Amino acid sequence: MTALETKPKHHPAGGNDPTRFDVREVWYPVYYLKDLNPEKLTKFTLLDRDLVLWWDEAAQSWQAFLDQCPHRLAPLSEGRINESGWLECPYHGWAFSGTGRCEFIPQQREGGSAQTAQRACATSFPTATAQGLLFVYPGNRDNATQTPLPLVEPLLDDSDEWVCLDIFRDLPYDALTLLENVLDSSHIPYTHHKTVGNRVNVSPVDLEILASGKQGFQGMWAEGPRKGTLGRQDTLFVAPGLMWHDLTSEQFGRTLTVVYATPIRSGECRLFARFPFKFSAKLPRLFLKLTPRWYSHINQNGVLEDDQIFLHYQERYLEAAGGSEEFARAFYLPTAADRFVSEFRQWVNQYRAKPFPDTPLPPPLPKEKLLDRYHSHTLHCASCSGALANLQRLRFGIFLLGAIAWVIIPLATLTLGNSSAIFFSLFALLLLATGWGLSQLERKFYEGRAVPPRNLPEK
């Protein structure tokens, strides 16, 4: 196995220790920029540390602070951005500028200087934006500017030719479990049967590792998916939390399946999934561009829920069997289809890259919690929360109009005759049926399907 080639960098991701990958010395994506509101404070947990994200008007940049006021540890995310453009604590009004410096202590007498002390500063983390994402660096801030951002290299060139679908979701399992799952292409025909896969396309999956090292590994599936009809698929894992499959076919053009896994806490991570397409034909490109983002998210959430429940339990069974260190004993991996999974687990163990090595997984969640869409996605997604609000207003208006039409029926019968009564009756029924249909659509913003499509009876 040859070492994975990387471009020269001042400070490699994961630190300089060749035997260990430090998961704090890395840039992590925390939000799509399109889902952040500059007028609001946004809370996010990264590596078990609560952060508050806010827009610094003076610096024209996003800031990330530890979500604790240095005064009495009140969550800054419950505060506001004040008239001076500073982040103001909700408890006593201490205010902080974008560097974390305390600018104002209301309780201090004029001429006091307590705000100049280092202890008065909020803890800030380096931030960066690229490829539509906000990144935060949780490690030594002196290393941040010298550490490369984990970007998707194919998207750096010919960016106008790509059409990209994206989604994020907070998942009830570890970042390691997520990466292990998406590196495994062989599960797609079974797990995602009737969504993005089909059991009839199952065939041997002969994966090959081309290069490996501390910064990740690259591999290849020479035959590729759908029994080789789409061509070769290349896979790259960029440590510790990025991977993508790269596939070019005459039928569809070039497609990527990109996944970032950002660790929140033990047993929870935020998925950023991107699906860039470079189509050989113009019509599919136009179709994707016209598809509302919220509608795409409904379908993509369904795909994520295909394996969400069993992955939640699978990682607990692995923990009970000894964890990642004992994967070779816990898993039986007899075929070449499991080479990426095996390589990934070997990487985790060799470079001691578990994000929460001493923290056990929390107790398992009930199925209804695992299928929750509202708190894991809709609430934090600008497109879906906006669509849900519009849908609720529309549904209320339709039911109200339907009720009015129903009340008018007796009056219409007396004044206009039976034909008008029939018209208003049908109109009212149509409105009520439309309202019911909208209520069914509304449910999809709140919860997933109880039975995955693969388990439905075949027609």
Protein backbone atom coordinates (compact mmCIF):
# COMPACT_ATOMS: atom_id res chain seq x y z
CA MET A 1 0.00 0.00 0.00
CA THR A 2 1.48 3.35 -0.97
CA ALA A 3 1.16 6.53 1.06
CA LEU A 4 -1.68 8.80 0.04
CA GLU A 5 -0.19 11.79 -1.75
CA THR A 6 -1.05 15.19 -0.34
CA LYS A 7 -0.06 18.69 -1.35
CA PRO A 8 2.60 20.35 0.86
CA LYS A 9 0.97 22.18 3.77
CA HIS A 10 2.32 24.23 6.67
CA HIS A 11 0.24 22.29 9.18
CA PRO A 12 -1.43 19.05 8.11
CA ALA A 13 -4.95 18.26 9.24
CA GLY A 14 -4.76 16.16 12.38
CA GLY A 15 -1.47 17.60 13.61
CA ASN A 16 2.19 16.73 13.08
CA ASP A 17 2.31 13.50 15.10
CA PRO A 18 2.68 10.74 12.47
CA THR A 19 1.13 8.15 14.81
CA ARG A 20 -1.99 10.06 15.82
CA PHE A 21 -4.74 12.03 14.09
CA ASP A 22 -5.85 14.81 16.43
CA VAL A 23 -9.54 15.29 15.61
CA ARG A 24 -9.50 18.84 17.02
CA GLU A 25 -6.82 20.06 14.62
CA VAL A 26 -9.25 20.07 11.70
CA TRP A 27 -11.76 22.39 10.02
CA TYR A 28 -15.34 21.13 10.32
CA PRO A 29 -18.41 22.34 8.40
CA VAL A 30 -21.18 23.38 10.78
CA TYR A 31 -23.80 25.02 8.51
CA TYR A 32 -24.69 25.72 4.91
CA LEU A 33 -24.42 29.47 4.49
CA LYS A 34 -27.88 29.60 2.90
CA ASP A 35 -29.41 28.28 6.15
CA LEU A 36 -27.85 30.94 8.39
CA ASN A 37 -29.72 34.16 9.20
CA PRO A 38 -27.39 37.15 9.84
CA GLU A 39 -30.05 38.69 12.09
CA LYS A 40 -30.25 35.70 14.43
CA LEU A 41 -27.94 33.79 16.76
CA THR A 42 -27.49 30.13 15.89
CA LYS A 43 -26.49 27.39 18.28
CA PHE A 44 -24.41 24.38 17.27
CA THR A 45 -22.52 21.70 19.20
CA LEU A 46 -19.12 20.64 17.83
CA LEU A 47 -17.13 17.87 19.52
CA ASP A 48 -19.32 18.17 22.61
CA ARG A 49 -18.72 21.93 22.95
CA ASP A 50 -21.68 24.28 22.57
CA LEU A 51 -21.04 27.16 20.17
CA VAL A 52 -22.96 30.25 19.17
CA LEU A 53 -22.65 31.39 15.54
CA TRP A 54 -23.32 35.04 14.74
CA TRP A 55 -22.81 37.57 11.98
CA ASP A 56 -20.26 40.27 12.78
CA GLU A 57 -21.36 43.28 10.73
CA ALA A 58 -18.14 45.21 11.43
CA ALA A 59 -15.90 42.43 10.12
CA GLN A 60 -18.43 41.20 7.54
CA SER A 61 -17.84 37.63 8.66
CA TRP A 62 -19.39 34.82 10.68
CA GLN A 63 -18.04 34.33 14.18
CA ALA A 64 -18.10 31.25 16.42
CA PHE A 65 -17.90 31.68 20.20
CA LEU A 66 -18.06 29.18 23.01
CA ASP A 67 -21.68 29.46 24.12
CA GLN A 68 -20.74 30.63 27.61
CA CYS A 69 -20.41 34.17 28.90
CA PRO A 70 -17.14 34.50 30.87
CA HIS A 71 -19.05 36.33 33.61
CA ARG A 72 -21.50 33.69 34.88
CA LEU A 73 -21.47 31.08 32.08
CA ALA A 74 -24.91 32.00 30.73
CA PRO A 75 -25.53 30.76 27.15
CA LEU A 76 -24.73 33.62 24.80
CA SER A 77 -27.05 32.03 22.20
CA GLU A 78 -29.98 33.25 24.34
CA GLY A 79 -28.83 36.84 23.90
CA ARG A 80 -28.90 39.17 20.91
CA ILE A 81 -26.80 41.29 18.58
CA ASN A 82 -27.16 44.78 20.06
CA GLU A 83 -27.32 48.19 18.42
CA SER A 84 -23.51 48.43 18.34
CA GLY A 85 -23.27 45.14 16.42
CA TRP A 86 -21.86 43.30 19.45
CA LEU A 87 -22.97 39.96 20.86
CA GLU A 88 -24.83 40.76 24.08
CA CYS A 89 -25.22 38.29 26.96
CA PRO A 90 -28.87 37.80 28.03
CA TYR A 91 -28.03 37.66 31.76
CA HIS A 92 -26.26 40.95 32.57
CA GLY A 93 -25.73 42.58 29.19
CA TRP A 94 -21.99 42.11 28.83
CA ALA A 95 -21.20 42.76 25.15
CA PHE A 96 -18.49 41.26 22.94
CA SER A 97 -17.08 42.27 19.57
CA GLY A 98 -16.11 39.80 16.85
CA THR A 99 -12.67 39.00 18.28
CA GLY A 100 -14.22 37.95 21.58
CA ARG A 101 -13.10 41.10 23.36
CA CYS A 102 -15.46 42.42 26.01
CA GLU A 103 -16.51 45.91 24.96
CA PHE A 104 -19.03 46.83 27.64
CA ILE A 105 -19.98 45.86 31.22
CA PRO A 106 -23.18 47.74 32.15
CA GLN A 107 -22.71 47.27 35.91
CA GLN A 108 -19.26 48.87 35.92
CA ARG A 109 -18.79 52.48 37.01
CA GLU A 110 -17.52 54.96 34.44
CA GLY A 111 -13.75 54.80 34.14
CA GLY A 112 -13.52 51.15 35.19
CA SER A 113 -11.37 48.75 33.16
CA ALA A 114 -12.60 45.26 34.08
CA GLN A 115 -13.62 44.70 30.45
CA THR A 116 -9.97 44.88 29.32
CA ALA A 117 -8.94 41.80 31.33
CA GLN A 118 -8.28 38.59 29.44
CA ARG A 119 -10.79 36.81 31.68
CA ALA A 120 -13.51 39.12 30.40
CA CYS A 121 -13.10 37.87 26.82
CA ALA A 122 -15.45 35.39 25.20
CA THR A 123 -13.77 32.29 23.81
CA SER A 124 -13.74 32.54 20.01
CA PHE A 125 -12.93 29.93 17.37
CA PRO A 126 -11.52 30.53 13.88
CA THR A 127 -14.09 30.44 11.07
CA ALA A 128 -13.88 30.23 7.29
CA THR A 129 -16.35 30.01 4.41
CA ALA A 130 -15.91 28.01 1.21
CA GLN A 131 -18.07 26.04 -1.25
CA GLY A 132 -21.23 27.34 0.43
CA LEU A 133 -20.28 26.10 3.92
CA LEU A 134 -19.28 27.71 7.20
CA PHE A 135 -16.29 25.94 8.76
CA VAL A 136 -15.09 26.15 12.37
CA TYR A 137 -11.65 25.16 13.71
CA PRO A 138 -11.91 23.71 17.25
CA GLY A 139 -8.16 23.20 17.82
CA ASN A 140 -5.20 25.49 18.47
CA ARG A 141 -6.18 28.74 16.75
CA ASP A 142 -2.54 29.39 15.80
CA ASN A 143 -2.74 26.38 13.46
CA ALA A 144 -6.02 27.35 11.80
CA THR A 145 -4.70 29.53 8.98
CA GLN A 146 -2.04 26.94 8.13
CA THR A 147 -4.41 23.97 8.07
CA PRO A 148 -6.18 23.28 4.75
CA LEU A 149 -9.95 23.37 4.50
CA PRO A 150 -11.46 19.97 3.57
CA LEU A 151 -12.84 20.98 0.19
CA VAL A 152 -14.23 18.86 -2.63
CA GLU A 153 -11.48 19.24 -5.21
CA PRO A 154 -13.56 18.41 -8.33
CA LEU A 155 -15.80 21.39 -7.51
CA LEU A 156 -12.87 23.81 -7.56
CA ASP A 157 -12.79 23.69 -11.37
CA ASP A 158 -15.57 24.43 -13.84
CA SER A 159 -17.89 25.36 -10.98
CA ASP A 160 -20.52 26.83 -13.33
CA GLU A 161 -20.96 23.47 -15.02
CA TRP A 162 -22.00 21.72 -11.82
CA VAL A 163 -25.57 21.52 -10.56
CA CYS A 164 -25.64 20.58 -6.89
CA LEU A 165 -28.35 19.19 -4.62
CA ASP A 166 -27.61 19.32 -0.91
CA ILE A 167 -29.07 18.39 2.45
CA PHE A 168 -28.02 18.34 6.08
CA ARG A 169 -29.45 16.45 9.02
CA ASP A 170 -28.50 15.75 12.61
CA LEU A 171 -28.24 11.97 12.78
CA PRO A 172 -28.65 9.79 15.90
CA TYR A 173 -25.35 7.97 15.44
CA ASP A 174 -21.63 8.71 15.40
CA ALA A 175 -19.71 10.39 12.60
CA LEU A 176 -17.64 7.20 12.32
CA THR A 177 -20.78 5.12 11.78
CA LEU A 178 -21.98 7.55 9.11
CA LEU A 179 -18.68 7.44 7.20
CA GLU A 180 -18.46 3.66 7.44
CA ASN A 181 -21.96 3.44 5.99
CA VAL A 182 -21.48 5.76 3.00
CA LEU A 183 -18.10 4.24 2.14
CA ASP A 184 -19.97 0.94 1.72
CA SER A 185 -21.61 1.07 -1.73
CA SER A 186 -22.69 -2.57 -1.57
CA HIS A 187 -25.61 -1.83 0.80
CA ILE A 188 -27.42 0.50 -1.60
CA PRO A 189 -29.41 -2.06 -3.68
CA TYR A 190 -30.79 -3.63 -0.49
CA THR A 191 -31.13 -0.87 2.09
CA HIS A 192 -32.33 1.72 -0.43
CA HIS A 193 -34.45 -0.58 -2.57
CA LYS A 194 -37.30 1.47 -4.09
CA THR A 195 -35.67 4.79 -3.18
CA VAL A 196 -32.26 5.10 -4.88
CA GLY A 197 -31.49 1.39 -5.28
CA ASN A 198 -32.91 -1.83 -6.63
CA ARG A 199 -32.25 -5.41 -5.55
CA VAL A 200 -32.04 -6.58 -9.16
CA ASN A 201 -28.75 -4.64 -9.48
CA VAL A 202 -26.94 -6.69 -6.85
CA SER A 203 -23.62 -8.16 -8.04
CA PRO A 204 -20.15 -8.86 -6.60
CA VAL A 205 -18.42 -5.66 -5.47
CA ASP A 206 -14.65 -5.89 -5.91
CA LEU A 207 -13.19 -2.86 -4.18
CA GLU A 208 -9.51 -1.99 -4.34
CA ILE A 209 -7.40 0.27 -2.11
CA LEU A 210 -5.03 2.37 -4.22
CA ALA A 211 -3.33 4.49 -1.55
CA SER A 212 -3.58 5.00 2.20
CA GLY A 213 -2.05 7.09 4.94
CA LYS A 214 -2.73 9.38 7.87
CA GLN A 215 -4.65 11.85 5.67
CA GLY A 216 -7.06 9.17 4.44
CA PHE A 217 -7.22 6.71 1.57
CA GLN A 218 -8.37 6.39 -2.00
CA GLY A 219 -9.96 3.40 -3.62
CA MET A 220 -11.63 2.17 -6.77
CA TRP A 221 -14.51 -0.02 -7.88
CA ALA A 222 -13.52 -0.97 -11.42
CA GLU A 223 -16.85 -2.44 -12.48
CA GLY A 224 -18.94 0.21 -10.77
CA PRO A 225 -22.62 0.19 -9.70
CA ARG A 226 -25.61 -1.30 -11.52
CA LYS A 227 -23.66 -4.32 -12.69
CA GLY A 228 -21.09 -2.18 -14.48
CA THR A 229 -23.55 -0.28 -16.65
CA LEU A 230 -22.42 3.10 -15.29
CA GLY A 231 -18.66 2.61 -15.34
CA ARG A 232 -15.84 2.83 -12.81
CA GLN A 233 -16.40 4.52 -9.44
CA ASP A 234 -13.54 6.19 -7.56
CA THR A 235 -13.71 6.87 -3.82
CA LEU A 236 -11.69 9.26 -1.70
CA PHE A 237 -11.73 9.48 2.09
CA VAL A 238 -10.23 12.73 3.40
CA ALA A 239 -9.59 12.36 7.13
CA PRO A 240 -11.32 12.70 9.42
CA GLY A 241 -14.81 13.53 8.11
CA LEU A 242 -15.08 13.88 4.32
CA MET A 243 -15.55 11.33 1.56
CA TRP A 244 -16.89 11.21 -1.95
CA HIS A 245 -17.66 8.75 -4.70
CA ASP A 246 -16.85 9.96 -8.22
CA LEU A 247 -18.60 8.37 -11.19
CA THR A 248 -18.60 9.33 -14.87
CA SER A 249 -20.93 7.59 -17.31
CA GLU A 250 -22.01 8.20 -20.90
CA GLN A 251 -25.61 7.93 -19.76
CA PHE A 252 -25.65 10.60 -17.02
CA GLY A 253 -22.36 12.48 -17.21
CA ARG A 254 -20.27 12.99 -14.08
CA THR A 255 -21.86 12.61 -10.63
CA LEU A 256 -20.42 12.90 -7.13
CA THR A 257 -21.78 11.64 -3.84
CA VAL A 258 -20.19 13.84 -1.19
CA VAL A 259 -20.58 13.41 2.56
CA TYR A 260 -19.20 15.45 5.45
CA ALA A 261 -19.61 13.93 8.93
CA THR A 262 -19.30 16.57 11.66
CA PRO A 263 -19.19 15.08 15.20
CA ILE A 264 -21.64 16.73 17.59
CA ARG A 265 -21.38 14.45 20.62
CA SER A 266 -21.08 10.75 21.26
CA GLY A 267 -23.85 9.07 19.29
CA GLU A 268 -24.77 12.14 17.22
CA CYS A 269 -23.35 13.89 14.17
CA ARG A 270 -24.39 16.38 11.52
CA LEU A 271 -24.45 15.06 7.98
CA PHE A 272 -23.78 17.38 5.05
CA ALA A 273 -24.59 15.50 1.86
CA ARG A 274 -23.94 17.06 -1.55
CA PHE A 275 -24.84 15.60 -4.92
CA PRO A 276 -23.07 17.56 -7.68
CA PHE A 277 -24.01 16.65 -11.26
CA LYS A 278 -22.31 17.60 -14.50
CA PHE A 279 -24.84 16.36 -17.04
CA SER A 280 -24.10 15.52 -20.65
CA ALA A 281 -27.61 16.81 -21.57
CA LYS A 282 -29.20 20.18 -20.78
CA LEU A 283 -32.70 19.00 -19.81
CA PRO A 284 -31.74 17.15 -16.57
CA ARG A 285 -29.64 20.16 -15.53
CA LEU A 286 -32.62 22.47 -16.02
CA PHE A 287 -34.93 20.08 -14.17
CA LEU A 288 -32.67 19.97 -11.10
CA LYS A 289 -32.23 23.74 -11.09
CA LEU A 290 -36.01 24.21 -11.05
CA THR A 291 -36.65 21.66 -8.27
CA PRO A 292 -37.46 23.47 -4.99
CA ARG A 293 -34.85 22.76 -2.34
CA TRP A 294 -37.50 21.85 0.26
CA TYR A 295 -39.05 19.27 -2.08
CA SER A 296 -35.67 17.71 -2.68
CA HIS A 297 -35.11 17.58 1.09
CA ILE A 298 -38.33 15.64 1.67
CA ASN A 299 -37.14 12.92 -0.69
CA GLN A 300 -33.55 12.92 0.60
CA ASN A 301 -34.74 12.66 4.19
CA GLY A 302 -36.60 9.53 3.17
CA VAL A 303 -33.39 8.03 1.80
CA LEU A 304 -31.53 8.83 5.04
CA GLU A 305 -34.25 7.12 7.06
CA ASP A 306 -33.81 3.91 5.08
CA ASP A 307 -30.86 2.99 7.32
CA GLN A 308 -31.19 5.42 10.23
CA ILE A 309 -32.81 3.01 12.67
CA PHE A 310 -30.57 -0.01 12.23
CA LEU A 311 -27.37 2.10 12.22
CA HIS A 312 -28.44 3.58 15.57
CA TYR A 313 -28.53 0.07 17.02
CA GLN A 314 -25.61 -1.33 15.03
CA GLU A 315 -23.08 1.04 16.62
CA ARG A 316 -24.31 0.06 20.09
CA TYR A 317 -23.80 -3.60 19.28
CA LEU A 318 -20.27 -2.79 18.09
CA GLU A 319 -19.58 -0.87 21.31
CA ALA A 320 -20.77 -3.86 23.35
CA ALA A 321 -18.41 -6.09 21.33
CA GLY A 322 -15.39 -3.92 22.19
CA GLY A 323 -15.77 -0.95 19.85
CA SER A 324 -13.73 -0.01 16.80
CA GLU A 325 -10.61 -1.68 18.21
CA GLU A 326 -12.40 -5.03 17.99
CA PHE A 327 -14.11 -4.49 14.62
CA ALA A 328 -12.33 -7.45 12.98
CA ARG A 329 -13.69 -9.75 15.67
CA ALA A 330 -17.14 -8.13 15.83
CA PHE A 331 -17.67 -7.93 12.04
CA TYR A 332 -17.33 -10.84 9.64
CA LEU A 333 -15.91 -9.26 6.46
CA PRO A 334 -15.23 -12.09 4.00
CA THR A 335 -15.64 -10.31 0.64
CA ALA A 336 -13.92 -7.54 -1.29
CA ALA A 337 -17.11 -5.47 -0.87
CA ASP A 338 -15.98 -4.72 2.70
CA ARG A 339 -12.49 -3.46 1.89
CA PHE A 340 -13.34 0.22 2.36
CA VAL A 341 -15.05 -0.52 5.69
CA SER A 342 -12.03 -2.52 6.87
CA GLU A 343 -9.58 0.16 5.67
CA PHE A 344 -11.58 2.86 7.41
CA ARG A 345 -11.69 1.01 10.74
CA GLN A 346 -7.98 0.25 10.50
CA TRP A 347 -7.34 3.97 9.93
CA VAL A 348 -9.43 4.91 12.99
CA ASN A 349 -7.51 2.45 15.16
CA GLN A 350 -4.02 3.12 13.77
CA TYR A 351 -4.25 6.89 14.21
CA ARG A 352 -6.39 6.85 17.37
CA ALA A 353 -8.96 9.02 15.65
CA LYS A 354 -12.12 8.34 17.66
CA PRO A 355 -13.71 11.74 18.38
CA PHE A 356 -15.10 10.62 21.79
CA PRO A 357 -12.79 7.82 22.93
CA ASP A 358 -13.83 7.82 26.59
CA THR A 359 -17.50 8.64 26.27
CA PRO A 360 -20.02 5.78 26.00
CA LEU A 361 -22.99 6.00 23.68
CA PRO A 362 -26.25 7.24 25.24
CA PRO A 363 -29.18 4.83 25.68
CA PRO A 364 -31.00 3.90 22.45
CA LEU A 365 -33.85 6.12 21.32
CA PRO A 366 -37.41 4.96 20.51
CA LYS A 367 -38.36 4.65 16.87
CA GLU A 368 -40.49 7.81 16.80
CA LYS A 369 -37.47 9.84 17.97
CA LEU A 370 -35.27 8.25 15.34
CA LEU A 371 -37.74 9.25 12.63
CA ASP A 372 -38.08 12.85 13.83
CA ARG A 373 -37.47 15.26 10.94
CA TYR A 374 -38.55 18.53 12.49
CA HIS A 375 -35.87 18.92 15.17
CA SER A 376 -33.14 17.15 13.22
CA HIS A 377 -33.64 19.12 9.99
CA THR A 378 -36.71 21.28 9.32
CA LEU A 379 -36.23 23.63 12.27
CA HIS A 380 -32.67 24.49 11.14
CA CYS A 381 -33.25 24.53 7.36
CA ALA A 382 -34.18 27.90 5.87
CA SER A 383 -35.87 26.27 2.86
CA CYS A 384 -37.93 23.70 4.76
CA SER A 385 -38.94 25.93 7.67
CA GLY A 386 -40.03 28.61 5.19
CA ALA A 387 -41.96 26.10 3.06
CA LEU A 388 -43.64 24.67 6.17
CA ALA A 389 -44.79 28.11 7.31
CA ASN A 390 -46.19 28.88 3.84
CA LEU A 391 -47.87 25.48 3.69
CA GLN A 392 -49.57 26.01 7.05
CA ARG A 393 -50.87 29.43 5.98
CA LEU A 394 -52.16 27.99 2.70
CA ARG A 395 -53.84 25.06 4.42
CA PHE A 396 -55.55 27.35 6.94
CA GLY A 397 -56.80 29.58 4.12
CA ILE A 398 -58.16 26.62 2.16
CA PHE A 399 -59.99 25.14 5.16
CA LEU A 400 -61.41 28.56 5.99
CA LEU A 401 -62.61 29.07 2.43
CA GLY A 402 -64.05 25.55 2.42
CA ALA A 403 -65.94 26.22 5.64
CA ILE A 404 -67.37 29.45 4.23
CA ALA A 405 -68.46 27.64 1.07
CA TRP A 406 -70.17 24.99 3.20
CA VAL A 407 -72.05 27.63 5.21
CA ILE A 408 -73.20 29.35 2.00
CA ILE A 409 -74.85 26.17 0.62
CA PRO A 410 -78.27 26.62 2.36
CA LEU A 411 -78.42 30.27 1.37
CA ALA A 412 -77.45 29.45 -2.22
CA THR A 413 -80.19 26.81 -2.35
CA LEU A 414 -82.85 29.29 -1.31
CA THR A 415 -81.74 32.13 -3.57
CA LEU A 416 -80.13 30.48 -6.61
CA GLY A 417 -81.61 27.01 -6.71
CA ASN A 418 -80.35 23.45 -6.41
CA SER A 419 -77.74 23.74 -9.18
CA SER A 420 -75.83 26.42 -7.28
CA ALA A 421 -76.03 24.33 -4.11
CA ILE A 422 -74.44 21.40 -5.95
CA PHE A 423 -71.70 23.69 -7.23
CA PHE A 424 -70.89 25.08 -3.78
CA SER A 425 -71.01 21.58 -2.28
CA LEU A 426 -68.50 20.24 -4.81
CA PHE A 427 -66.34 23.34 -4.37
CA ALA A 428 -66.34 22.91 -0.59
CA LEU A 429 -65.47 19.20 -0.89
CA LEU A 430 -62.65 20.00 -3.32
CA LEU A 431 -61.21 22.57 -0.90
CA LEU A 432 -61.45 20.20 2.04
CA ALA A 433 -59.78 17.41 0.05
CA THR A 434 -57.01 19.81 -0.99
CA GLY A 435 -56.55 20.85 2.64
CA TRP A 436 -56.32 17.22 3.70
CA GLY A 437 -53.69 16.58 1.02
CA LEU A 438 -51.68 19.57 2.24
CA SER A 439 -51.88 18.26 5.81
CA GLN A 440 -50.38 14.95 4.61
CA LEU A 441 -47.57 16.89 2.93
CA GLU A 442 -47.08 18.89 6.12
CA ARG A 443 -46.47 15.69 8.10
CA LYS A 444 -43.42 14.99 5.95
CA PHE A 445 -41.70 18.00 7.48
CA TYR A 446 -42.20 16.49 10.94
CA GLU A 447 -41.69 12.74 10.71
CA GLY A 448 -40.39 9.99 8.47
CA ARG A 449 -42.00 6.80 7.22
CA ALA A 450 -42.60 4.10 9.82
CA VAL A 451 -41.98 1.36 7.24
CA PRO A 452 -39.10 1.81 4.76
CA PRO A 453 -40.01 1.20 1.08
CA ARG A 454 -37.77 -1.88 0.91
CA ASN A 455 -40.07 -3.66 3.40
CA LEU A 456 -43.31 -2.91 1.56
CA PRO A 457 -44.92 -5.83 -0.27
CA GLU A 458 -43.83 -6.24 -3.87
CA LYS A 459 -46.58 -5.64 -6.41
